[in-house]
Amino acid sequence: MAAPNWLEQLRAARKTALLGDGKRKVHYLFDSGKEMVEEYDMKTNQLLLRKWREKNTLGACGNWQIEVGEPDLPAVRALDQELIKESSTNPILMRKDTKNSFQWRIRNLPYPKDVYSVSVEKDQRCCVIHTSNKKYYKKFSIPDLDRFQLPLDINALSFTHSNNTLIITYQKPTEVLAAEEELLKELKKIKVANDGDGECKTQ
C-alpha cells in the first residue's frame, strides 16, 4: 500500500516546530536535502501554508515554491526591472484547502459560470480548466494525490464562481484524511524550538 510511504517519509524527516501568532510552524528536512515548511492554525488545525525548496547543484538553497497558501509578494526589484511587471488584472491561482477538500481560487476571472469547464486528465494526472470563449486555459496537478499514488476522480471535483473568482473544490480521499489525522498527532508531539527554526539560511 502506497499511502504509508509518504507518512513514513514525514516521520523520518528532521522536524522543528515553532509556535507564534496563533500558528504552528513546522520545518521538515528530508534525507534528500529537500525542505518543507507547513503552517497550521492552532485553533482549527487547518493547514495555512505549505512550501518547498531544495539545494541546487552547488549546494546553495533555492527559492521557496508555494504549494498551499497565498503567493509571496514579489521582492523589491531594481528600478530597471520594475518597468516589466505582471499586470494586476492577470488571473492569479492559489490553493487554500479546507478540512475535507483541496481548494483552488483563481482571481480576476470575470466571465459567467457557464463559460467554465473543469475536467480531469487521468493519464497526465492533472485537472484542466478552460473557457468556452477561449480566454483562459490552465492545467494543475494535485501533489497530495501523487504522493499517495491515488487516482484522480472526476466525481470528487466541483466548482463555483463569484466575485470574479473561480473556486475549484476536490474532495479529499479517505486515505488522505486518515493520513492527515495521523500526521497531526505526530506534529503535536514535536518539541517546540526556542531559537532559530532550523531552516537553511540563504547565501
N, C-alpha and C. Protein backbone atom coordinates (compact mmCIF):
# COMPACT_ATOMS: atom_id res chain seq x y z
N MET A 1 0.84 -1.21 0.00
CA MET A 1 0.00 0.00 0.00
C MET A 1 0.87 1.25 0.00
N ALA A 2 0.57 2.21 -0.87
CA ALA A 2 1.47 3.34 -1.08
C ALA A 2 1.36 4.41 0.00
N ALA A 3 0.15 4.61 0.54
CA ALA A 3 -0.08 5.75 1.42
C ALA A 3 0.90 5.86 2.58
N PRO A 4 1.19 4.76 3.32
CA PRO A 4 2.08 4.92 4.46
C PRO A 4 3.49 5.38 4.08
N ASN A 5 3.90 5.13 2.82
CA ASN A 5 5.25 5.53 2.41
C ASN A 5 5.49 7.02 2.60
N TRP A 6 4.52 7.84 2.21
CA TRP A 6 4.66 9.28 2.38
C TRP A 6 4.64 9.64 3.87
N LEU A 7 3.76 8.99 4.62
CA LEU A 7 3.72 9.22 6.06
C LEU A 7 5.05 8.84 6.71
N GLU A 8 5.63 7.74 6.26
CA GLU A 8 6.92 7.31 6.82
C GLU A 8 8.01 8.32 6.50
N GLN A 9 7.96 8.90 5.31
CA GLN A 9 8.94 9.94 4.95
C GLN A 9 8.81 11.14 5.89
N LEU A 10 7.57 11.50 6.19
CA LEU A 10 7.34 12.63 7.09
C LEU A 10 7.82 12.30 8.50
N ARG A 11 7.56 11.07 8.92
CA ARG A 11 8.00 10.66 10.26
C ARG A 11 9.53 10.64 10.36
N ALA A 12 10.18 10.23 9.26
CA ALA A 12 11.64 10.09 9.26
C ALA A 12 12.36 11.43 9.13
N ALA A 13 11.68 12.45 8.60
CA ALA A 13 12.31 13.76 8.39
C ALA A 13 12.66 14.41 9.73
N ARG A 14 13.73 15.20 9.73
CA ARG A 14 14.06 16.00 10.91
C ARG A 14 13.06 17.15 10.98
N LYS A 15 12.40 17.28 12.12
CA LYS A 15 11.33 18.28 12.23
C LYS A 15 11.62 19.25 13.38
N THR A 16 11.31 20.52 13.12
CA THR A 16 11.41 21.56 14.15
C THR A 16 10.09 22.31 14.15
N ALA A 17 9.57 22.61 15.33
CA ALA A 17 8.29 23.33 15.42
C ALA A 17 8.48 24.66 16.13
N LEU A 18 7.74 25.64 15.68
CA LEU A 18 7.69 26.97 16.32
C LEU A 18 6.23 27.36 16.50
N LEU A 19 5.92 28.00 17.60
CA LEU A 19 4.56 28.49 17.83
C LEU A 19 4.59 30.01 17.89
N GLY A 20 3.58 30.65 17.29
CA GLY A 20 3.51 32.11 17.34
C GLY A 20 2.42 32.63 16.44
N ASP A 21 1.83 33.76 16.81
CA ASP A 21 0.75 34.39 16.02
C ASP A 21 -0.40 33.43 15.78
N GLY A 22 -0.64 32.55 16.76
CA GLY A 22 -1.75 31.60 16.61
C GLY A 22 -1.49 30.50 15.61
N LYS A 23 -0.22 30.33 15.21
CA LYS A 23 0.13 29.33 14.21
C LYS A 23 1.17 28.36 14.75
N ARG A 24 1.11 27.14 14.26
CA ARG A 24 2.15 26.15 14.50
C ARG A 24 2.93 26.02 13.19
N LYS A 25 4.21 26.36 13.24
CA LYS A 25 5.04 26.30 12.04
C LYS A 25 5.97 25.10 12.18
N VAL A 26 5.96 24.22 11.18
CA VAL A 26 6.78 23.01 11.23
C VAL A 26 7.74 23.01 10.05
N HIS A 27 9.02 22.84 10.35
CA HIS A 27 10.04 22.76 9.30
C HIS A 27 10.51 21.32 9.20
N TYR A 28 10.48 20.77 7.98
CA TYR A 28 10.91 19.39 7.74
C TYR A 28 12.21 19.43 6.92
N LEU A 29 13.17 18.60 7.30
CA LEU A 29 14.37 18.41 6.50
C LEU A 29 14.46 16.93 6.16
N PHE A 30 14.36 16.63 4.85
CA PHE A 30 14.36 15.24 4.40
C PHE A 30 15.78 14.77 4.10
N ASP A 31 15.96 13.46 4.07
CA ASP A 31 17.28 12.87 3.79
C ASP A 31 17.83 13.36 2.46
N SER A 32 16.94 13.63 1.51
CA SER A 32 17.37 14.09 0.18
C SER A 32 17.93 15.52 0.20
N GLY A 33 17.75 16.23 1.34
CA GLY A 33 18.17 17.63 1.41
C GLY A 33 17.03 18.59 1.14
N LYS A 34 15.89 18.05 0.66
CA LYS A 34 14.71 18.88 0.43
C LYS A 34 14.17 19.40 1.75
N GLU A 35 13.60 20.60 1.71
CA GLU A 35 12.98 21.18 2.90
C GLU A 35 11.51 21.46 2.62
N MET A 36 10.69 21.32 3.65
CA MET A 36 9.28 21.68 3.55
C MET A 36 8.91 22.43 4.81
N VAL A 37 8.12 23.49 4.63
CA VAL A 37 7.59 24.24 5.78
C VAL A 37 6.07 24.22 5.69
N GLU A 38 5.44 23.90 6.82
CA GLU A 38 3.98 23.96 6.90
C GLU A 38 3.58 24.87 8.06
N GLU A 39 2.47 25.57 7.88
CA GLU A 39 1.90 26.38 8.96
C GLU A 39 0.46 25.96 9.17
N TYR A 40 0.10 25.76 10.44
CA TYR A 40 -1.25 25.35 10.80
C TYR A 40 -1.87 26.36 11.75
N ASP A 41 -3.17 26.61 11.60
CA ASP A 41 -3.91 27.40 12.57
C ASP A 41 -4.04 26.56 13.85
N MET A 42 -3.59 27.12 14.97
CA MET A 42 -3.56 26.32 16.19
C MET A 42 -4.95 26.04 16.76
N LYS A 43 -5.93 26.87 16.43
CA LYS A 43 -7.29 26.63 16.92
C LYS A 43 -8.00 25.56 16.11
N THR A 44 -7.89 25.65 14.79
CA THR A 44 -8.65 24.75 13.91
C THR A 44 -7.82 23.59 13.35
N ASN A 45 -6.47 23.67 13.53
CA ASN A 45 -5.53 22.69 12.93
C ASN A 45 -5.57 22.72 11.41
N GLN A 46 -6.11 23.80 10.84
CA GLN A 46 -6.20 23.93 9.38
C GLN A 46 -4.83 24.27 8.79
N LEU A 47 -4.45 23.59 7.71
CA LEU A 47 -3.20 23.91 7.01
C LEU A 47 -3.34 25.25 6.31
N LEU A 48 -2.44 26.20 6.62
CA LEU A 48 -2.50 27.53 6.02
C LEU A 48 -1.44 27.72 4.93
N LEU A 49 -0.33 27.00 5.08
CA LEU A 49 0.79 27.20 4.15
C LEU A 49 1.59 25.91 4.03
N ARG A 50 2.00 25.60 2.82
CA ARG A 50 3.00 24.54 2.59
C ARG A 50 3.91 25.02 1.48
N LYS A 51 5.20 25.03 1.75
CA LYS A 51 6.15 25.44 0.72
C LYS A 51 7.38 24.54 0.76
N TRP A 52 8.05 24.45 -0.39
CA TRP A 52 9.18 23.54 -0.58
C TRP A 52 10.39 24.29 -1.12
N ARG A 53 11.56 23.76 -0.82
CA ARG A 53 12.75 24.18 -1.58
C ARG A 53 13.80 23.09 -1.47
N GLU A 54 14.71 23.10 -2.45
CA GLU A 54 15.81 22.15 -2.43
C GLU A 54 17.09 22.86 -2.83
N LYS A 55 18.21 22.24 -2.50
CA LYS A 55 19.50 22.85 -2.83
C LYS A 55 19.82 22.65 -4.30
N ASN A 56 20.55 23.63 -4.85
CA ASN A 56 20.96 23.49 -6.25
C ASN A 56 22.23 22.65 -6.32
N THR A 57 22.78 22.51 -7.53
CA THR A 57 23.94 21.64 -7.71
C THR A 57 25.16 22.13 -6.94
N LEU A 58 25.21 23.42 -6.60
CA LEU A 58 26.34 23.96 -5.84
C LEU A 58 26.10 23.88 -4.32
N GLY A 59 24.92 23.38 -3.94
CA GLY A 59 24.64 23.23 -2.52
C GLY A 59 23.98 24.43 -1.88
N ALA A 60 23.70 25.47 -2.67
CA ALA A 60 23.01 26.64 -2.11
C ALA A 60 21.50 26.40 -2.14
N CYS A 61 20.79 27.05 -1.22
CA CYS A 61 19.34 26.87 -1.15
C CYS A 61 18.65 27.59 -2.31
N GLY A 62 17.69 26.93 -2.92
CA GLY A 62 16.91 27.54 -3.98
C GLY A 62 15.78 28.39 -3.42
N ASN A 63 14.93 28.89 -4.29
CA ASN A 63 13.78 29.69 -3.85
C ASN A 63 12.67 28.78 -3.35
N TRP A 64 11.86 29.30 -2.45
CA TRP A 64 10.71 28.55 -1.95
C TRP A 64 9.64 28.46 -3.04
N GLN A 65 9.05 27.29 -3.19
CA GLN A 65 7.93 27.07 -4.11
C GLN A 65 6.68 26.81 -3.26
N ILE A 66 5.69 27.69 -3.40
CA ILE A 66 4.49 27.56 -2.56
C ILE A 66 3.51 26.57 -3.18
N GLU A 67 3.11 25.59 -2.39
CA GLU A 67 2.13 24.59 -2.82
C GLU A 67 0.73 24.95 -2.31
N VAL A 68 0.66 25.38 -1.05
CA VAL A 68 -0.61 25.78 -0.44
C VAL A 68 -0.40 27.14 0.23
N GLY A 69 -1.36 28.06 0.02
CA GLY A 69 -1.28 29.36 0.68
C GLY A 69 -1.12 30.50 -0.30
N GLU A 70 -1.12 31.70 0.24
CA GLU A 70 -1.01 32.92 -0.57
C GLU A 70 0.35 32.97 -1.26
N PRO A 71 0.39 33.35 -2.55
CA PRO A 71 1.69 33.51 -3.21
C PRO A 71 2.49 34.62 -2.53
N ASP A 72 3.83 34.46 -2.53
CA ASP A 72 4.69 35.50 -1.96
C ASP A 72 4.56 36.77 -2.79
N LEU A 73 4.62 37.91 -2.11
CA LEU A 73 4.67 39.18 -2.83
C LEU A 73 6.04 39.29 -3.49
N PRO A 74 6.09 39.83 -4.72
CA PRO A 74 7.39 39.93 -5.39
C PRO A 74 8.36 40.76 -4.56
N ALA A 75 9.61 40.32 -4.52
CA ALA A 75 10.64 41.07 -3.80
C ALA A 75 10.89 42.40 -4.51
N VAL A 76 11.41 43.35 -3.77
CA VAL A 76 11.71 44.65 -4.36
C VAL A 76 12.79 44.46 -5.41
N ARG A 77 12.51 44.91 -6.61
CA ARG A 77 13.46 44.71 -7.71
C ARG A 77 14.19 46.01 -8.03
N ALA A 78 15.24 45.88 -8.80
CA ALA A 78 15.96 47.06 -9.27
C ALA A 78 15.03 47.89 -10.16
N LEU A 79 15.29 49.19 -10.22
CA LEU A 79 14.41 50.11 -10.93
C LEU A 79 14.21 49.71 -12.39
N ASP A 80 15.30 49.25 -13.04
CA ASP A 80 15.16 48.93 -14.47
C ASP A 80 14.27 47.71 -14.69
N GLN A 81 14.12 46.85 -13.67
CA GLN A 81 13.25 45.68 -13.83
C GLN A 81 11.80 46.02 -13.50
N GLU A 82 11.60 47.11 -12.79
CA GLU A 82 10.24 47.49 -12.39
C GLU A 82 9.37 47.84 -13.60
N LEU A 83 10.02 48.19 -14.73
CA LEU A 83 9.27 48.57 -15.92
C LEU A 83 8.50 47.39 -16.50
N ILE A 84 9.01 46.16 -16.27
CA ILE A 84 8.33 44.97 -16.78
C ILE A 84 7.79 44.21 -15.58
N LYS A 85 6.49 44.30 -15.36
CA LYS A 85 5.91 43.52 -14.26
C LYS A 85 4.54 43.02 -14.65
N GLU A 86 4.13 41.98 -13.96
CA GLU A 86 2.87 41.32 -14.27
C GLU A 86 1.70 42.26 -14.01
N SER A 87 0.72 42.23 -14.90
CA SER A 87 -0.47 43.05 -14.72
C SER A 87 -1.26 42.58 -13.51
N SER A 88 -1.78 43.53 -12.74
CA SER A 88 -2.56 43.18 -11.55
C SER A 88 -3.92 42.60 -11.91
N THR A 89 -4.26 42.64 -13.21
CA THR A 89 -5.55 42.09 -13.65
C THR A 89 -5.41 40.65 -14.18
N ASN A 90 -4.18 40.13 -14.23
CA ASN A 90 -3.99 38.76 -14.71
C ASN A 90 -4.60 37.77 -13.71
N PRO A 91 -5.13 36.64 -14.19
CA PRO A 91 -5.65 35.63 -13.27
C PRO A 91 -4.56 35.13 -12.32
N ILE A 92 -4.90 34.97 -11.04
CA ILE A 92 -3.96 34.51 -10.02
C ILE A 92 -4.52 33.23 -9.41
N LEU A 93 -3.75 32.14 -9.52
CA LEU A 93 -4.15 30.85 -8.96
C LEU A 93 -3.48 30.64 -7.61
N MET A 94 -4.28 30.31 -6.61
CA MET A 94 -3.71 29.95 -5.31
C MET A 94 -4.51 28.82 -4.71
N ARG A 95 -3.85 28.02 -3.89
CA ARG A 95 -4.54 26.89 -3.25
C ARG A 95 -4.77 27.22 -1.78
N LYS A 96 -5.99 26.98 -1.33
CA LYS A 96 -6.36 27.25 0.06
C LYS A 96 -7.32 26.15 0.49
N ASP A 97 -6.79 25.12 1.15
CA ASP A 97 -7.58 23.93 1.46
C ASP A 97 -8.56 24.16 2.60
N THR A 98 -9.55 23.29 2.67
CA THR A 98 -10.44 23.21 3.83
C THR A 98 -10.15 21.87 4.51
N LYS A 99 -10.83 21.59 5.60
CA LYS A 99 -10.57 20.34 6.33
C LYS A 99 -10.81 19.11 5.46
N ASN A 100 -11.86 19.15 4.65
CA ASN A 100 -12.24 17.96 3.88
C ASN A 100 -11.97 18.04 2.39
N SER A 101 -11.40 19.14 1.93
CA SER A 101 -11.18 19.25 0.49
C SER A 101 -9.93 20.06 0.15
N PHE A 102 -9.37 19.77 -1.02
CA PHE A 102 -8.35 20.63 -1.63
C PHE A 102 -9.13 21.71 -2.37
N GLN A 103 -8.66 22.94 -2.29
CA GLN A 103 -9.42 24.02 -2.94
C GLN A 103 -8.48 25.03 -3.60
N TRP A 104 -8.84 25.42 -4.80
CA TRP A 104 -8.06 26.42 -5.55
C TRP A 104 -8.95 27.61 -5.85
N ARG A 105 -8.37 28.78 -5.77
CA ARG A 105 -9.09 30.01 -6.12
C ARG A 105 -8.32 30.71 -7.23
N ILE A 106 -9.03 31.07 -8.28
CA ILE A 106 -8.41 31.82 -9.38
C ILE A 106 -9.09 33.17 -9.45
N ARG A 107 -8.36 34.19 -9.03
CA ARG A 107 -8.91 35.55 -9.03
C ARG A 107 -8.80 36.17 -10.42
N ASN A 108 -9.54 37.26 -10.62
CA ASN A 108 -9.53 38.03 -11.87
C ASN A 108 -10.05 37.23 -13.06
N LEU A 109 -11.08 36.41 -12.83
CA LEU A 109 -11.78 35.74 -13.93
C LEU A 109 -13.22 36.25 -13.95
N PRO A 110 -13.51 37.23 -14.81
CA PRO A 110 -14.80 37.92 -14.75
C PRO A 110 -15.94 37.23 -15.51
N TYR A 111 -15.67 36.13 -16.21
CA TYR A 111 -16.69 35.54 -17.07
C TYR A 111 -17.74 34.79 -16.25
N PRO A 112 -18.98 34.66 -16.78
CA PRO A 112 -20.03 33.96 -16.03
C PRO A 112 -19.71 32.47 -15.86
N LYS A 113 -20.35 31.84 -14.89
CA LYS A 113 -20.03 30.45 -14.52
C LYS A 113 -20.18 29.48 -15.69
N ASP A 114 -21.20 29.69 -16.54
CA ASP A 114 -21.45 28.71 -17.60
C ASP A 114 -20.37 28.69 -18.70
N VAL A 115 -19.44 29.64 -18.62
CA VAL A 115 -18.33 29.69 -19.58
C VAL A 115 -17.24 28.66 -19.22
N TYR A 116 -17.14 28.30 -17.93
CA TYR A 116 -16.04 27.46 -17.46
C TYR A 116 -16.35 25.97 -17.57
N SER A 117 -15.29 25.23 -17.82
CA SER A 117 -15.38 23.77 -17.78
C SER A 117 -14.16 23.26 -17.01
N VAL A 118 -14.39 22.35 -16.06
CA VAL A 118 -13.30 21.77 -15.28
C VAL A 118 -13.34 20.27 -15.45
N SER A 119 -12.22 19.68 -15.86
CA SER A 119 -12.19 18.24 -16.13
C SER A 119 -10.90 17.64 -15.57
N VAL A 120 -10.79 16.32 -15.71
CA VAL A 120 -9.63 15.58 -15.20
C VAL A 120 -8.95 14.88 -16.36
N GLU A 121 -7.62 15.00 -16.44
CA GLU A 121 -6.82 14.24 -17.41
C GLU A 121 -6.14 13.13 -16.62
N LYS A 122 -6.72 11.93 -16.64
CA LYS A 122 -6.19 10.84 -15.79
C LYS A 122 -4.79 10.44 -16.20
N ASP A 123 -4.51 10.39 -17.51
CA ASP A 123 -3.19 9.98 -17.97
C ASP A 123 -2.11 10.97 -17.55
N GLN A 124 -2.44 12.25 -17.64
CA GLN A 124 -1.47 13.29 -17.28
C GLN A 124 -1.54 13.65 -15.79
N ARG A 125 -2.46 13.03 -15.07
CA ARG A 125 -2.63 13.26 -13.63
C ARG A 125 -2.78 14.74 -13.29
N CYS A 126 -3.72 15.38 -13.98
CA CYS A 126 -3.94 16.80 -13.70
C CYS A 126 -5.40 17.18 -13.93
N CYS A 127 -5.76 18.33 -13.40
CA CYS A 127 -7.08 18.92 -13.65
C CYS A 127 -6.91 19.99 -14.71
N VAL A 128 -7.94 20.19 -15.51
CA VAL A 128 -7.87 21.16 -16.61
C VAL A 128 -9.06 22.11 -16.52
N ILE A 129 -8.76 23.40 -16.60
CA ILE A 129 -9.81 24.43 -16.65
C ILE A 129 -9.74 25.08 -18.03
N HIS A 130 -10.88 25.20 -18.67
CA HIS A 130 -10.87 26.00 -19.90
C HIS A 130 -12.21 26.71 -20.03
N THR A 131 -12.21 27.75 -20.83
CA THR A 131 -13.42 28.55 -21.03
C THR A 131 -13.90 28.41 -22.47
N SER A 132 -15.20 28.41 -22.65
CA SER A 132 -15.76 28.27 -24.00
C SER A 132 -15.44 29.49 -24.86
N ASN A 133 -15.11 30.64 -24.22
CA ASN A 133 -14.75 31.83 -25.01
C ASN A 133 -13.25 31.89 -25.32
N LYS A 134 -12.53 30.80 -24.97
CA LYS A 134 -11.09 30.68 -25.27
C LYS A 134 -10.24 31.77 -24.59
N LYS A 135 -10.73 32.31 -23.48
CA LYS A 135 -9.99 33.38 -22.80
C LYS A 135 -9.07 32.86 -21.70
N TYR A 136 -9.32 31.62 -21.25
CA TYR A 136 -8.49 31.11 -20.15
C TYR A 136 -8.35 29.60 -20.27
N TYR A 137 -7.12 29.11 -20.01
CA TYR A 137 -6.84 27.67 -20.03
C TYR A 137 -5.75 27.40 -18.99
N LYS A 138 -5.96 26.40 -18.16
CA LYS A 138 -4.99 26.12 -17.10
C LYS A 138 -5.01 24.65 -16.74
N LYS A 139 -3.80 24.07 -16.59
CA LYS A 139 -3.66 22.71 -16.07
C LYS A 139 -2.97 22.80 -14.72
N PHE A 140 -3.41 21.98 -13.78
CA PHE A 140 -2.70 21.93 -12.50
C PHE A 140 -2.82 20.53 -11.91
N SER A 141 -1.80 20.14 -11.18
CA SER A 141 -1.79 18.80 -10.57
C SER A 141 -2.19 18.90 -9.10
N ILE A 142 -2.41 17.76 -8.49
CA ILE A 142 -2.71 17.70 -7.06
C ILE A 142 -1.58 16.88 -6.43
N PRO A 143 -0.52 17.55 -5.96
CA PRO A 143 0.66 16.83 -5.47
C PRO A 143 0.33 15.81 -4.38
N ASP A 144 -0.68 16.09 -3.55
CA ASP A 144 -1.05 15.17 -2.47
C ASP A 144 -1.45 13.81 -3.03
N LEU A 145 -2.22 13.82 -4.13
CA LEU A 145 -2.64 12.55 -4.74
C LEU A 145 -1.45 11.83 -5.35
N ASP A 146 -0.50 12.60 -5.90
CA ASP A 146 0.71 11.99 -6.47
C ASP A 146 1.53 11.32 -5.37
N ARG A 147 1.66 12.01 -4.22
CA ARG A 147 2.47 11.45 -3.13
C ARG A 147 1.86 10.16 -2.57
N PHE A 148 0.52 10.09 -2.58
CA PHE A 148 -0.16 8.88 -2.10
C PHE A 148 -0.46 7.89 -3.22
N GLN A 149 -0.06 8.27 -4.46
CA GLN A 149 -0.28 7.43 -5.64
C GLN A 149 -1.76 7.04 -5.79
N LEU A 150 -2.62 8.04 -5.61
CA LEU A 150 -4.06 7.82 -5.74
C LEU A 150 -4.56 8.36 -7.08
N PRO A 151 -5.54 7.71 -7.70
CA PRO A 151 -6.06 8.19 -8.98
C PRO A 151 -6.93 9.44 -8.81
N LEU A 152 -7.03 10.21 -9.87
CA LEU A 152 -7.92 11.37 -9.86
C LEU A 152 -9.34 10.90 -10.16
N ASP A 153 -10.30 11.49 -9.46
CA ASP A 153 -11.70 11.09 -9.60
C ASP A 153 -12.53 12.31 -10.00
N ILE A 154 -13.10 12.29 -11.19
CA ILE A 154 -13.88 13.43 -11.67
C ILE A 154 -15.07 13.71 -10.75
N ASN A 155 -15.58 12.68 -10.08
CA ASN A 155 -16.73 12.87 -9.19
C ASN A 155 -16.38 13.65 -7.92
N ALA A 156 -15.09 13.74 -7.62
CA ALA A 156 -14.65 14.49 -6.43
C ALA A 156 -14.49 15.98 -6.74
N LEU A 157 -14.62 16.33 -8.02
CA LEU A 157 -14.33 17.69 -8.48
C LEU A 157 -15.60 18.51 -8.68
N SER A 158 -15.59 19.74 -8.20
CA SER A 158 -16.72 20.66 -8.45
C SER A 158 -16.17 22.08 -8.49
N PHE A 159 -16.99 23.02 -8.97
CA PHE A 159 -16.53 24.42 -8.99
C PHE A 159 -17.71 25.37 -8.88
N THR A 160 -17.39 26.56 -8.44
CA THR A 160 -18.38 27.64 -8.37
C THR A 160 -17.68 28.94 -8.76
N HIS A 161 -18.45 30.00 -8.97
CA HIS A 161 -17.86 31.28 -9.39
C HIS A 161 -18.60 32.42 -8.72
N SER A 162 -17.83 33.31 -8.09
CA SER A 162 -18.43 34.53 -7.53
C SER A 162 -17.35 35.58 -7.34
N ASN A 163 -17.76 36.84 -7.42
CA ASN A 163 -16.84 37.98 -7.24
C ASN A 163 -15.57 37.86 -8.09
N ASN A 164 -15.76 37.52 -9.37
CA ASN A 164 -14.64 37.39 -10.32
C ASN A 164 -13.63 36.32 -9.92
N THR A 165 -14.05 35.38 -9.06
CA THR A 165 -13.15 34.32 -8.61
C THR A 165 -13.77 32.95 -8.90
N LEU A 166 -12.98 32.10 -9.56
CA LEU A 166 -13.40 30.73 -9.80
C LEU A 166 -12.87 29.88 -8.64
N ILE A 167 -13.75 29.14 -7.98
CA ILE A 167 -13.36 28.31 -6.83
C ILE A 167 -13.55 26.85 -7.21
N ILE A 168 -12.44 26.10 -7.22
CA ILE A 168 -12.47 24.69 -7.60
C ILE A 168 -12.23 23.85 -6.35
N THR A 169 -13.08 22.86 -6.13
CA THR A 169 -13.00 22.02 -4.93
C THR A 169 -12.85 20.56 -5.32
N TYR A 170 -11.92 19.89 -4.65
CA TYR A 170 -11.72 18.45 -4.87
C TYR A 170 -11.80 17.78 -3.50
N GLN A 171 -12.79 16.92 -3.31
CA GLN A 171 -12.97 16.25 -2.03
C GLN A 171 -11.78 15.34 -1.73
N LYS A 172 -11.22 15.48 -0.53
CA LYS A 172 -10.06 14.66 -0.17
C LYS A 172 -10.47 13.19 -0.04
N PRO A 173 -9.69 12.28 -0.62
CA PRO A 173 -9.97 10.85 -0.44
C PRO A 173 -9.80 10.44 1.03
N THR A 174 -10.44 9.35 1.42
CA THR A 174 -10.36 8.90 2.82
C THR A 174 -8.93 8.60 3.23
N GLU A 175 -8.10 8.11 2.28
CA GLU A 175 -6.70 7.80 2.60
C GLU A 175 -5.95 9.06 3.03
N VAL A 176 -6.23 10.18 2.35
CA VAL A 176 -5.56 11.44 2.68
C VAL A 176 -6.06 11.96 4.03
N LEU A 177 -7.36 11.91 4.24
CA LEU A 177 -7.93 12.38 5.51
C LEU A 177 -7.35 11.60 6.69
N ALA A 178 -7.24 10.28 6.53
CA ALA A 178 -6.69 9.44 7.61
C ALA A 178 -5.23 9.78 7.86
N ALA A 179 -4.46 9.98 6.79
CA ALA A 179 -3.03 10.31 6.94
C ALA A 179 -2.85 11.67 7.60
N GLU A 180 -3.72 12.64 7.26
CA GLU A 180 -3.63 13.97 7.88
C GLU A 180 -3.90 13.90 9.38
N GLU A 181 -4.85 13.05 9.77
CA GLU A 181 -5.14 12.86 11.19
C GLU A 181 -3.92 12.30 11.92
N GLU A 182 -3.29 11.30 11.30
CA GLU A 182 -2.10 10.69 11.89
C GLU A 182 -0.98 11.71 12.03
N LEU A 183 -0.77 12.49 10.96
CA LEU A 183 0.31 13.47 10.96
C LEU A 183 0.10 14.51 12.04
N LEU A 184 -1.14 14.94 12.20
CA LEU A 184 -1.44 15.95 13.22
C LEU A 184 -1.06 15.47 14.62
N LYS A 185 -1.32 14.21 14.88
CA LYS A 185 -0.93 13.64 16.18
C LYS A 185 0.58 13.69 16.35
N GLU A 186 1.31 13.38 15.26
CA GLU A 186 2.78 13.41 15.29
C GLU A 186 3.30 14.82 15.56
N LEU A 187 2.69 15.79 14.86
CA LEU A 187 3.17 17.17 14.96
C LEU A 187 3.01 17.74 16.36
N LYS A 188 1.96 17.31 17.04
CA LYS A 188 1.71 17.81 18.39
C LYS A 188 2.72 17.27 19.40
N LYS A 189 3.44 16.22 19.00
CA LYS A 189 4.45 15.62 19.90
C LYS A 189 5.81 16.30 19.76
N ILE A 190 6.00 17.08 18.67
CA ILE A 190 7.31 17.68 18.41
C ILE A 190 7.62 18.73 19.48
N LYS A 191 8.83 18.64 20.00
CA LYS A 191 9.28 19.64 20.98
C LYS A 191 9.42 20.98 20.26
N VAL A 192 8.89 22.02 20.87
CA VAL A 192 8.91 23.35 20.24
C VAL A 192 10.27 23.99 20.43
N ALA A 193 10.85 24.50 19.33
CA ALA A 193 12.17 25.13 19.38
C ALA A 193 12.06 26.53 19.97
N ASN A 194 13.14 26.94 20.61
CA ASN A 194 13.17 28.29 21.20
C ASN A 194 13.93 29.27 20.32
N ASP A 195 15.03 28.79 19.74
CA ASP A 195 15.85 29.74 18.96
C ASP A 195 16.12 29.17 17.59
N GLY A 196 15.80 29.98 16.56
CA GLY A 196 16.01 29.55 15.17
C GLY A 196 14.98 28.51 14.80
N ASP A 197 14.77 28.34 13.53
CA ASP A 197 13.77 27.36 13.10
C ASP A 197 14.39 26.23 12.28
N GLY A 198 15.70 26.17 12.28
CA GLY A 198 16.35 25.06 11.59
C GLY A 198 16.35 25.17 10.09
N GLU A 199 15.86 26.30 9.55
CA GLU A 199 15.80 26.41 8.10
C GLU A 199 17.16 26.72 7.52
N CYS A 200 17.37 26.25 6.32
CA CYS A 200 18.60 26.54 5.58
C CYS A 200 18.66 28.04 5.33
N LYS A 201 19.72 28.67 5.71
CA LYS A 201 19.84 30.12 5.54
C LYS A 201 20.24 30.44 4.10
N THR A 202 19.70 31.53 3.59
CA THR A 202 20.03 31.93 2.23
C THR A 202 21.47 32.47 2.20
N GLN A 203 22.12 32.25 1.07
CA GLN A 203 23.52 32.66 0.95
C GLN A 203 23.60 34.16 0.74
